[in-house]
Amino acid sequence: MIGNQMIATTIYMPRDLYAQVGKAARKQGQPKARIIRDLVADGLTKQRRDPDATRKFVSALKSMQFRGGVRDAAKRHDHYTWD
């Protein structure tokens, strides 16, 4: 559903987190993109309630020490975004 004022974007996440998103999508009968949008919206709502939420979130991301990733993301971004 690219229409309806949706903007396509790319995010990177660890495989285990991606698997959890897939599991939630199957359980709820929703696309992964919908699950991610809902989770982002929920997170932003919590951030408004908790001024330190951004700092906590960034700290949690830093602790994950993301490394690696796919090397063909520029060429196959649609595959990684919409599958």
N, C-alpha and C. Protein backbone atom coordinates (compact mmCIF):
# COMPACT_ATOMS: atom_id res chain seq x y z
N MET A 1 0.84 -1.18 0.00
CA MET A 1 0.00 0.00 0.00
C MET A 1 0.88 1.24 0.00
N ILE A 2 1.51 1.53 -1.12
CA ILE A 2 2.38 2.69 -1.23
C ILE A 2 1.56 3.97 -1.31
N GLY A 3 0.36 3.90 -1.86
CA GLY A 3 -0.49 5.08 -1.96
C GLY A 3 -0.92 5.55 -0.58
N ASN A 4 -1.94 6.39 -0.56
CA ASN A 4 -2.49 6.87 0.70
C ASN A 4 -1.44 7.57 1.56
N GLN A 5 -0.56 8.32 0.90
CA GLN A 5 0.45 9.14 1.55
C GLN A 5 1.46 8.33 2.35
N MET A 6 1.70 7.09 1.97
CA MET A 6 2.73 6.27 2.60
C MET A 6 4.07 6.61 1.96
N ILE A 7 5.11 6.57 2.74
CA ILE A 7 6.47 6.80 2.26
C ILE A 7 7.26 5.53 2.49
N ALA A 8 7.91 5.03 1.45
CA ALA A 8 8.73 3.83 1.57
C ALA A 8 10.05 4.19 2.25
N THR A 9 10.49 3.34 3.14
CA THR A 9 11.75 3.55 3.84
C THR A 9 12.42 2.20 4.06
N THR A 10 13.68 2.24 4.42
CA THR A 10 14.42 1.02 4.69
C THR A 10 14.94 1.06 6.11
N ILE A 11 14.79 -0.03 6.84
CA ILE A 11 15.37 -0.14 8.17
C ILE A 11 16.19 -1.42 8.23
N TYR A 12 17.16 -1.43 9.09
CA TYR A 12 17.98 -2.61 9.30
C TYR A 12 17.71 -3.12 10.71
N MET A 13 17.56 -4.43 10.84
CA MET A 13 17.32 -5.01 12.16
C MET A 13 17.99 -6.37 12.22
N PRO A 14 18.31 -6.80 13.42
CA PRO A 14 18.91 -8.13 13.57
C PRO A 14 17.93 -9.21 13.11
N ARG A 15 18.49 -10.34 12.68
CA ARG A 15 17.66 -11.44 12.18
C ARG A 15 16.63 -11.90 13.20
N ASP A 16 17.02 -11.96 14.47
CA ASP A 16 16.07 -12.44 15.48
C ASP A 16 14.89 -11.49 15.63
N LEU A 17 15.14 -10.20 15.54
CA LEU A 17 14.06 -9.23 15.63
C LEU A 17 13.15 -9.34 14.40
N TYR A 18 13.76 -9.52 13.23
CA TYR A 18 13.00 -9.70 11.99
C TYR A 18 12.11 -10.94 12.10
N ALA A 19 12.65 -12.00 12.69
CA ALA A 19 11.88 -13.22 12.87
C ALA A 19 10.69 -12.97 13.80
N GLN A 20 10.89 -12.17 14.84
CA GLN A 20 9.80 -11.86 15.76
C GLN A 20 8.71 -11.06 15.05
N VAL A 21 9.12 -10.14 14.18
CA VAL A 21 8.15 -9.36 13.41
C VAL A 21 7.35 -10.30 12.50
N GLY A 22 8.04 -11.23 11.85
CA GLY A 22 7.36 -12.20 10.99
C GLY A 22 6.37 -13.06 11.76
N LYS A 23 6.77 -13.48 12.94
CA LYS A 23 5.90 -14.31 13.78
C LYS A 23 4.65 -13.52 14.19
N ALA A 24 4.85 -12.26 14.59
CA ALA A 24 3.71 -11.42 14.97
C ALA A 24 2.79 -11.19 13.78
N ALA A 25 3.38 -10.99 12.60
CA ALA A 25 2.58 -10.76 11.39
C ALA A 25 1.71 -11.98 11.07
N ARG A 26 2.31 -13.15 11.15
CA ARG A 26 1.54 -14.38 10.88
C ARG A 26 0.43 -14.56 11.91
N LYS A 27 0.76 -14.34 13.16
CA LYS A 27 -0.21 -14.53 14.24
C LYS A 27 -1.40 -13.58 14.10
N GLN A 28 -1.10 -12.33 13.70
CA GLN A 28 -2.16 -11.32 13.59
C GLN A 28 -2.79 -11.27 12.20
N GLY A 29 -2.21 -12.02 11.26
CA GLY A 29 -2.74 -12.00 9.90
C GLY A 29 -2.54 -10.66 9.21
N GLN A 30 -1.45 -9.99 9.54
CA GLN A 30 -1.16 -8.67 8.99
C GLN A 30 0.19 -8.70 8.27
N PRO A 31 0.43 -7.77 7.33
CA PRO A 31 1.75 -7.69 6.71
C PRO A 31 2.80 -7.21 7.72
N LYS A 32 4.04 -7.61 7.50
CA LYS A 32 5.13 -7.18 8.39
C LYS A 32 5.21 -5.66 8.46
N ALA A 33 4.99 -4.99 7.33
CA ALA A 33 5.06 -3.53 7.31
C ALA A 33 4.05 -2.92 8.28
N ARG A 34 2.87 -3.51 8.36
CA ARG A 34 1.83 -3.01 9.28
C ARG A 34 2.26 -3.19 10.73
N ILE A 35 2.85 -4.34 11.03
CA ILE A 35 3.33 -4.62 12.38
C ILE A 35 4.38 -3.59 12.77
N ILE A 36 5.32 -3.34 11.87
CA ILE A 36 6.40 -2.38 12.16
C ILE A 36 5.83 -0.98 12.33
N ARG A 37 4.90 -0.56 11.44
CA ARG A 37 4.29 0.77 11.58
C ARG A 37 3.61 0.91 12.93
N ASP A 38 2.85 -0.11 13.33
CA ASP A 38 2.15 -0.05 14.61
C ASP A 38 3.12 0.04 15.78
N LEU A 39 4.20 -0.73 15.72
CA LEU A 39 5.19 -0.70 16.79
C LEU A 39 5.90 0.65 16.87
N VAL A 40 6.21 1.23 15.71
CA VAL A 40 6.84 2.56 15.70
C VAL A 40 5.87 3.59 16.29
N ALA A 41 4.61 3.53 15.89
CA ALA A 41 3.62 4.46 16.42
C ALA A 41 3.49 4.32 17.94
N ASP A 42 3.45 3.08 18.42
CA ASP A 42 3.37 2.84 19.87
C ASP A 42 4.60 3.40 20.57
N GLY A 43 5.77 3.17 19.98
CA GLY A 43 7.01 3.67 20.57
C GLY A 43 7.03 5.19 20.64
N LEU A 44 6.56 5.86 19.60
CA LEU A 44 6.52 7.32 19.60
C LEU A 44 5.53 7.84 20.64
N THR A 45 4.42 7.14 20.82
CA THR A 45 3.46 7.54 21.85
C THR A 45 4.09 7.43 23.23
N LYS A 46 4.81 6.33 23.47
CA LYS A 46 5.49 6.16 24.76
C LYS A 46 6.56 7.23 24.96
N GLN A 47 7.23 7.60 23.88
CA GLN A 47 8.28 8.62 23.96
C GLN A 47 7.69 9.95 24.41
N ARG A 48 6.51 10.29 23.91
CA ARG A 48 5.88 11.54 24.33
C ARG A 48 5.56 11.52 25.81
N ARG A 49 5.22 10.33 26.33
CA ARG A 49 4.90 10.20 27.75
C ARG A 49 6.15 10.18 28.62
N ASP A 50 7.27 9.70 28.07
CA ASP A 50 8.52 9.55 28.83
C ASP A 50 9.62 10.33 28.12
N PRO A 51 9.98 11.51 28.62
CA PRO A 51 10.99 12.34 27.96
C PRO A 51 12.34 11.64 27.81
N ASP A 52 12.65 10.66 28.64
CA ASP A 52 13.92 9.95 28.54
C ASP A 52 13.86 8.76 27.60
N ALA A 53 12.72 8.53 26.97
CA ALA A 53 12.55 7.35 26.12
C ALA A 53 13.56 7.34 24.97
N THR A 54 13.81 8.50 24.36
CA THR A 54 14.76 8.54 23.24
C THR A 54 16.14 8.14 23.71
N ARG A 55 16.57 8.69 24.83
CA ARG A 55 17.90 8.35 25.37
C ARG A 55 17.98 6.86 25.67
N LYS A 56 16.95 6.31 26.27
CA LYS A 56 16.93 4.88 26.59
C LYS A 56 16.96 4.04 25.31
N PHE A 57 16.21 4.48 24.30
CA PHE A 57 16.15 3.75 23.04
C PHE A 57 17.50 3.76 22.34
N VAL A 58 18.14 4.92 22.27
CA VAL A 58 19.45 5.03 21.63
C VAL A 58 20.47 4.20 22.40
N SER A 59 20.40 4.23 23.71
CA SER A 59 21.31 3.43 24.53
C SER A 59 21.12 1.94 24.25
N ALA A 60 19.88 1.52 24.12
CA ALA A 60 19.60 0.11 23.82
C ALA A 60 20.14 -0.26 22.44
N LEU A 61 19.98 0.63 21.46
CA LEU A 61 20.52 0.36 20.13
C LEU A 61 22.04 0.25 20.15
N LYS A 62 22.69 1.15 20.90
CA LYS A 62 24.15 1.10 20.99
C LYS A 62 24.62 -0.21 21.60
N SER A 63 23.90 -0.70 22.57
CA SER A 63 24.30 -1.94 23.23
C SER A 63 24.21 -3.14 22.30
N MET A 64 23.40 -3.04 21.25
CA MET A 64 23.26 -4.14 20.29
C MET A 64 24.46 -4.23 19.35
N GLN A 65 25.21 -3.15 19.21
CA GLN A 65 26.41 -3.10 18.37
C GLN A 65 26.17 -3.72 17.01
N PHE A 66 25.31 -3.08 16.23
CA PHE A 66 25.00 -3.59 14.89
C PHE A 66 26.25 -3.65 14.04
N ARG A 67 26.42 -4.76 13.36
CA ARG A 67 27.54 -4.94 12.44
C ARG A 67 27.05 -5.73 11.24
N GLY A 68 27.74 -5.58 10.16
CA GLY A 68 27.43 -6.39 8.98
C GLY A 68 26.20 -5.89 8.26
N GLY A 69 25.44 -6.81 7.80
CA GLY A 69 24.26 -6.49 7.01
C GLY A 69 24.42 -7.02 5.60
N VAL A 70 23.42 -6.82 4.82
CA VAL A 70 23.48 -7.30 3.44
C VAL A 70 24.29 -6.34 2.59
N ARG A 71 24.95 -6.88 1.60
CA ARG A 71 25.80 -6.04 0.75
C ARG A 71 25.08 -5.54 -0.51
N ASP A 72 23.93 -6.10 -0.80
CA ASP A 72 23.23 -5.72 -2.03
C ASP A 72 21.95 -4.93 -1.74
N ALA A 73 21.90 -4.23 -0.63
CA ALA A 73 20.69 -3.51 -0.23
C ALA A 73 20.30 -2.45 -1.25
N ALA A 74 21.27 -1.78 -1.84
CA ALA A 74 20.94 -0.73 -2.81
C ALA A 74 20.25 -1.31 -4.03
N LYS A 75 20.68 -2.49 -4.46
CA LYS A 75 20.09 -3.10 -5.65
C LYS A 75 18.79 -3.84 -5.33
N ARG A 76 18.70 -4.46 -4.15
CA ARG A 76 17.56 -5.32 -3.83
C ARG A 76 16.71 -4.77 -2.69
N HIS A 77 16.68 -3.44 -2.56
CA HIS A 77 15.97 -2.84 -1.43
C HIS A 77 14.49 -3.20 -1.40
N ASP A 78 13.86 -3.32 -2.56
CA ASP A 78 12.45 -3.71 -2.56
C ASP A 78 12.26 -5.10 -1.97
N HIS A 79 13.15 -6.00 -2.30
CA HIS A 79 13.09 -7.36 -1.76
C HIS A 79 13.18 -7.33 -0.23
N TYR A 80 14.14 -6.58 0.29
CA TYR A 80 14.33 -6.53 1.73
C TYR A 80 13.23 -5.74 2.43
N THR A 81 12.66 -4.77 1.75
CA THR A 81 11.64 -3.92 2.37
C THR A 81 10.27 -4.58 2.40
N TRP A 82 9.90 -5.23 1.32
CA TRP A 82 8.52 -5.68 1.19
C TRP A 82 8.32 -7.16 1.37
N ASP A 83 9.36 -7.95 1.53
CA ASP A 83 9.19 -9.39 1.75
C ASP A 83 8.95 -9.69 3.21
